[in-house]
N, C-alpha and C. Protein backbone atom coordinates (compact mmCIF):
# COMPACT_ATOMS: atom_id res chain seq x y z
N UNK A 1 19.11 7.51 -35.07
CA UNK A 1 17.97 8.37 -34.81
C UNK A 1 16.73 7.76 -35.47
N UNK A 2 15.68 7.65 -34.71
CA UNK A 2 14.44 7.05 -35.22
C UNK A 2 13.53 8.12 -35.80
N UNK A 3 12.97 7.81 -36.96
CA UNK A 3 12.02 8.69 -37.64
C UNK A 3 10.84 7.86 -38.10
N UNK A 4 9.90 8.54 -38.72
CA UNK A 4 8.68 7.88 -39.20
C UNK A 4 8.23 8.56 -40.48
N UNK A 5 7.69 7.79 -41.41
CA UNK A 5 7.05 8.41 -42.56
C UNK A 5 5.77 7.67 -42.92
N UNK A 6 4.90 8.39 -43.60
CA UNK A 6 3.71 7.82 -44.22
C UNK A 6 3.86 8.11 -45.71
N UNK A 7 3.76 7.08 -46.53
CA UNK A 7 3.90 7.23 -47.97
C UNK A 7 2.66 6.69 -48.67
N UNK A 8 2.25 7.38 -49.72
CA UNK A 8 1.18 6.91 -50.59
C UNK A 8 1.80 6.70 -51.96
N UNK A 9 1.66 5.47 -52.47
CA UNK A 9 2.26 5.11 -53.74
C UNK A 9 1.17 5.03 -54.79
N UNK A 10 1.38 5.73 -55.89
CA UNK A 10 0.39 5.78 -56.98
C UNK A 10 0.95 5.10 -58.23
N UNK A 11 0.07 4.50 -58.99
CA UNK A 11 0.45 3.83 -60.23
C UNK A 11 -0.21 2.46 -60.27
N UNK A 12 0.40 1.53 -60.99
CA UNK A 12 -0.09 0.15 -61.02
C UNK A 12 0.60 -0.58 -59.87
N UNK A 13 -0.01 -0.46 -58.69
CA UNK A 13 0.64 -0.95 -57.47
C UNK A 13 -0.22 -1.93 -56.68
N UNK A 14 -1.38 -2.26 -57.19
CA UNK A 14 -2.20 -3.29 -56.54
C UNK A 14 -2.28 -4.50 -57.47
N UNK A 15 -2.27 -5.69 -56.88
CA UNK A 15 -2.33 -6.92 -57.67
C UNK A 15 -0.99 -7.29 -58.28
N UNK A 16 0.10 -6.70 -57.77
CA UNK A 16 1.44 -6.98 -58.30
C UNK A 16 2.41 -7.36 -57.19
N UNK A 17 1.89 -7.83 -56.07
CA UNK A 17 2.68 -8.23 -54.90
C UNK A 17 3.41 -7.07 -54.23
N UNK A 18 2.85 -5.88 -54.34
CA UNK A 18 3.49 -4.70 -53.75
C UNK A 18 3.52 -4.80 -52.23
N UNK A 19 2.41 -5.22 -51.62
CA UNK A 19 2.38 -5.30 -50.16
C UNK A 19 3.37 -6.34 -49.64
N UNK A 20 3.39 -7.51 -50.25
CA UNK A 20 4.31 -8.56 -49.80
C UNK A 20 5.76 -8.13 -50.01
N UNK A 21 6.05 -7.50 -51.13
CA UNK A 21 7.40 -7.03 -51.39
C UNK A 21 7.82 -5.95 -50.41
N UNK A 22 6.90 -5.06 -50.10
CA UNK A 22 7.18 -3.99 -49.14
C UNK A 22 7.47 -4.59 -47.77
N UNK A 23 6.66 -5.54 -47.35
CA UNK A 23 6.89 -6.19 -46.05
C UNK A 23 8.25 -6.86 -46.03
N UNK A 24 8.58 -7.59 -47.07
CA UNK A 24 9.87 -8.27 -47.12
C UNK A 24 11.05 -7.30 -47.04
N UNK A 25 10.95 -6.22 -47.76
CA UNK A 25 12.03 -5.22 -47.73
C UNK A 25 12.11 -4.54 -46.36
N UNK A 26 10.97 -4.22 -45.78
CA UNK A 26 10.96 -3.58 -44.46
C UNK A 26 11.55 -4.49 -43.40
N UNK A 27 11.20 -5.77 -43.42
CA UNK A 27 11.75 -6.73 -42.46
C UNK A 27 13.25 -6.84 -42.66
N UNK A 28 13.69 -6.91 -43.89
CA UNK A 28 15.13 -7.01 -44.18
C UNK A 28 15.89 -5.80 -43.63
N UNK A 29 15.25 -4.62 -43.69
CA UNK A 29 15.88 -3.38 -43.24
C UNK A 29 15.69 -3.11 -41.75
N UNK A 30 14.84 -3.91 -41.08
CA UNK A 30 14.59 -3.70 -39.66
C UNK A 30 13.65 -2.54 -39.37
N UNK A 31 12.74 -2.29 -40.28
CA UNK A 31 11.77 -1.20 -40.16
C UNK A 31 10.44 -1.77 -39.67
N UNK A 32 9.77 -1.07 -38.78
CA UNK A 32 8.45 -1.49 -38.32
C UNK A 32 7.39 -0.66 -39.04
N UNK A 33 6.14 -1.15 -39.01
CA UNK A 33 5.06 -0.40 -39.63
C UNK A 33 4.03 -1.30 -40.28
N UNK A 34 3.42 -0.77 -41.34
CA UNK A 34 2.35 -1.50 -42.01
C UNK A 34 2.19 -1.01 -43.44
N UNK A 35 1.62 -1.87 -44.27
CA UNK A 35 1.30 -1.54 -45.66
C UNK A 35 -0.15 -1.95 -45.91
N UNK A 36 -0.85 -1.15 -46.69
CA UNK A 36 -2.27 -1.42 -46.92
C UNK A 36 -2.67 -0.95 -48.32
N UNK A 37 -3.51 -1.75 -49.01
CA UNK A 37 -4.15 -1.29 -50.24
C UNK A 37 -5.28 -0.36 -49.87
N UNK A 38 -5.46 0.69 -50.67
CA UNK A 38 -6.56 1.63 -50.41
C UNK A 38 -7.58 1.53 -51.54
N UNK A 39 -8.85 1.87 -51.26
CA UNK A 39 -9.90 1.73 -52.27
C UNK A 39 -9.64 2.54 -53.55
N UNK A 40 -8.85 3.59 -53.47
CA UNK A 40 -8.60 4.42 -54.66
C UNK A 40 -7.49 3.86 -55.55
N UNK A 41 -6.98 2.65 -55.25
CA UNK A 41 -5.97 2.02 -56.08
C UNK A 41 -4.54 2.32 -55.65
N UNK A 42 -4.37 3.11 -54.62
CA UNK A 42 -3.03 3.41 -54.11
C UNK A 42 -2.66 2.42 -53.02
N UNK A 43 -1.41 2.48 -52.61
CA UNK A 43 -0.91 1.70 -51.48
C UNK A 43 -0.38 2.70 -50.46
N UNK A 44 -0.72 2.48 -49.18
CA UNK A 44 -0.26 3.36 -48.10
C UNK A 44 0.70 2.59 -47.22
N UNK A 45 1.86 3.21 -46.96
CA UNK A 45 2.89 2.59 -46.13
C UNK A 45 3.18 3.51 -44.96
N UNK A 46 3.13 2.95 -43.76
CA UNK A 46 3.57 3.65 -42.56
C UNK A 46 4.81 2.92 -42.09
N UNK A 47 5.91 3.65 -41.92
CA UNK A 47 7.17 3.01 -41.56
C UNK A 47 7.90 3.82 -40.50
N UNK A 48 8.56 3.10 -39.61
CA UNK A 48 9.30 3.73 -38.52
C UNK A 48 10.59 2.97 -38.29
N UNK A 49 11.68 3.72 -38.12
CA UNK A 49 12.96 3.09 -37.88
C UNK A 49 14.09 4.08 -38.02
N UNK A 50 15.29 3.56 -38.18
CA UNK A 50 16.46 4.41 -38.36
C UNK A 50 16.37 5.11 -39.72
N UNK A 51 16.86 6.34 -39.78
CA UNK A 51 16.73 7.16 -40.99
C UNK A 51 17.31 6.46 -42.22
N UNK A 52 18.49 5.87 -42.10
CA UNK A 52 19.10 5.20 -43.25
C UNK A 52 18.22 4.06 -43.76
N UNK A 53 17.64 3.29 -42.85
CA UNK A 53 16.77 2.19 -43.24
C UNK A 53 15.50 2.72 -43.91
N UNK A 54 14.95 3.80 -43.38
CA UNK A 54 13.74 4.39 -43.98
C UNK A 54 14.04 4.93 -45.38
N UNK A 55 15.19 5.55 -45.55
CA UNK A 55 15.55 6.06 -46.87
C UNK A 55 15.73 4.91 -47.86
N UNK A 56 16.28 3.79 -47.41
CA UNK A 56 16.43 2.62 -48.28
C UNK A 56 15.06 2.05 -48.64
N UNK A 57 14.14 1.99 -47.69
CA UNK A 57 12.79 1.51 -47.97
C UNK A 57 12.10 2.46 -48.95
N UNK A 58 12.25 3.73 -48.76
CA UNK A 58 11.64 4.71 -49.65
C UNK A 58 12.18 4.56 -51.08
N UNK A 59 13.47 4.32 -51.22
CA UNK A 59 14.05 4.08 -52.55
C UNK A 59 13.42 2.85 -53.20
N UNK A 60 13.20 1.80 -52.39
CA UNK A 60 12.55 0.59 -52.92
C UNK A 60 11.11 0.90 -53.34
N UNK A 61 10.39 1.68 -52.52
CA UNK A 61 9.00 2.01 -52.83
C UNK A 61 8.89 2.77 -54.15
N UNK A 62 9.89 3.51 -54.51
CA UNK A 62 9.86 4.29 -55.75
C UNK A 62 9.95 3.42 -56.99
N UNK A 63 10.39 2.17 -56.83
CA UNK A 63 10.39 1.27 -57.99
C UNK A 63 9.47 0.07 -57.77
N UNK A 64 9.34 -0.41 -56.53
CA UNK A 64 8.44 -1.51 -56.22
C UNK A 64 8.91 -2.83 -56.78
N UNK A 65 8.04 -3.85 -56.68
CA UNK A 65 8.39 -5.17 -57.22
C UNK A 65 8.37 -5.14 -58.75
N UNK A 66 8.84 -6.22 -59.32
CA UNK A 66 9.03 -6.30 -60.77
C UNK A 66 7.82 -5.89 -61.60
N UNK A 67 6.62 -6.32 -61.24
CA UNK A 67 5.44 -6.05 -62.07
C UNK A 67 4.77 -4.70 -61.78
N UNK A 68 5.24 -3.98 -60.80
CA UNK A 68 4.65 -2.69 -60.45
C UNK A 68 5.10 -1.59 -61.42
N UNK A 69 4.23 -0.61 -61.58
CA UNK A 69 4.58 0.61 -62.32
C UNK A 69 4.29 1.77 -61.37
N UNK A 70 5.32 2.26 -60.71
CA UNK A 70 5.17 3.35 -59.75
C UNK A 70 5.22 4.67 -60.50
N UNK A 71 4.14 5.44 -60.37
CA UNK A 71 4.08 6.74 -61.02
C UNK A 71 4.53 7.86 -60.08
N UNK A 72 4.18 7.73 -58.81
CA UNK A 72 4.50 8.80 -57.86
C UNK A 72 4.44 8.25 -56.43
N UNK A 73 5.34 8.78 -55.59
CA UNK A 73 5.34 8.45 -54.16
C UNK A 73 5.24 9.76 -53.40
N UNK A 74 4.19 9.90 -52.62
CA UNK A 74 4.00 11.09 -51.78
C UNK A 74 4.38 10.72 -50.36
N UNK A 75 5.29 11.48 -49.75
CA UNK A 75 5.83 11.13 -48.44
C UNK A 75 5.66 12.28 -47.47
N UNK A 76 5.23 11.94 -46.27
CA UNK A 76 5.19 12.90 -45.16
C UNK A 76 6.02 12.32 -44.02
N UNK A 77 7.05 13.05 -43.60
CA UNK A 77 7.89 12.64 -42.50
C UNK A 77 7.32 13.19 -41.20
N UNK A 78 7.51 12.46 -40.12
CA UNK A 78 7.02 12.92 -38.83
C UNK A 78 7.78 12.29 -37.68
N UNK A 79 7.37 12.66 -36.51
CA UNK A 79 7.99 12.13 -35.29
C UNK A 79 7.58 10.68 -35.10
N UNK A 80 8.46 9.86 -34.52
CA UNK A 80 8.11 8.47 -34.25
C UNK A 80 6.95 8.37 -33.26
N UNK A 81 6.21 7.29 -33.39
CA UNK A 81 5.08 7.03 -32.49
C UNK A 81 5.28 5.67 -31.85
N UNK A 82 4.53 5.42 -30.81
CA UNK A 82 4.56 4.10 -30.19
C UNK A 82 3.82 3.14 -31.10
N UNK A 83 4.55 2.24 -31.70
CA UNK A 83 3.95 1.24 -32.58
C UNK A 83 4.46 -0.14 -32.18
N UNK A 84 3.75 -1.13 -32.58
CA UNK A 84 4.19 -2.49 -32.30
C UNK A 84 5.40 -2.82 -33.15
N UNK A 85 6.16 -3.78 -32.70
CA UNK A 85 7.33 -4.23 -33.45
C UNK A 85 6.89 -4.99 -34.68
N UNK A 86 7.75 -5.07 -35.64
CA UNK A 86 7.48 -5.83 -36.84
C UNK A 86 6.79 -5.00 -37.91
N UNK A 87 6.57 -5.62 -39.05
CA UNK A 87 5.93 -4.95 -40.17
C UNK A 87 4.80 -5.83 -40.65
N UNK A 88 3.62 -5.29 -40.75
CA UNK A 88 2.45 -6.11 -41.08
C UNK A 88 1.77 -5.64 -42.37
N UNK A 89 1.03 -6.56 -42.95
CA UNK A 89 0.18 -6.26 -44.10
C UNK A 89 -1.23 -6.11 -43.55
N UNK A 90 -1.82 -4.94 -43.73
CA UNK A 90 -3.21 -4.71 -43.29
C UNK A 90 -4.14 -4.83 -44.48
N UNK A 91 -5.32 -5.36 -44.21
CA UNK A 91 -6.37 -5.41 -45.22
C UNK A 91 -6.03 -6.15 -46.41
């Protein structure tokens, strides 16, 4: 079953390879979507795929790469949308 989520990650998550790590994990899990740094210092992830893969990606987002300090992950689940294949780094 395909689902979708949008997550906002708060903490020390910019300048620590969070976007690259997120892309690598998403590709490994077969999840499509995008990751982007936001001006307020957070990282926004849009992901779509099988529920188990999304849950695994979400677990990774809660800890992030080695140098990240994740304080909080806010997640909104929703219906899948027509998106391009693959996972990209925006901005």
